[in-house]
């Protein structure tokens, strides 16, 4: 349902799409957690993964989730496109309040600048040709997504 909701936010001619992965086990986690995994596509090419998982105190009154995004070839994609895509995800998973939204925006920009800085000053030219990858993680409230999905269900009835 998350992939459908996010894909629906984008215009048909926009390059980003999510597809839920059939292998549902979260990766990089020390303990089993409830969550979902998605493959990220840009112009029909797989460029990364998204994991969304519930916090230990997740519940209707406090829908806190963690979001992990890995994008490969980030340096080959337009900065504005990446920023817009990750911001759309964060709107559903970390938009509980203005402070939370600003923290996510700062995380996005810091992660992207760190990748650029690393490659600009890396004497190993082979790593510059790999296109670079970014990994970021943020926590927040899924309240906006829950409101959206409730509204979509109500309209379909």
Foldseek 3Di string as FASTA:
>chain_A
DVQVVLVVVDDPPFFKGKDWDPPAFDPPDPDGFDWTKIFITGNNDTFWMKIKTFDPPDDPVFNKIKIKIKGWLQQVDDPVSVLVSVLSVCVQFAPPDPVSSVVVSVQSVVQVVVQVVCLVPDPPVVVVVRNTMTMTMDMHHNVSVVVVVVVVVVVVD
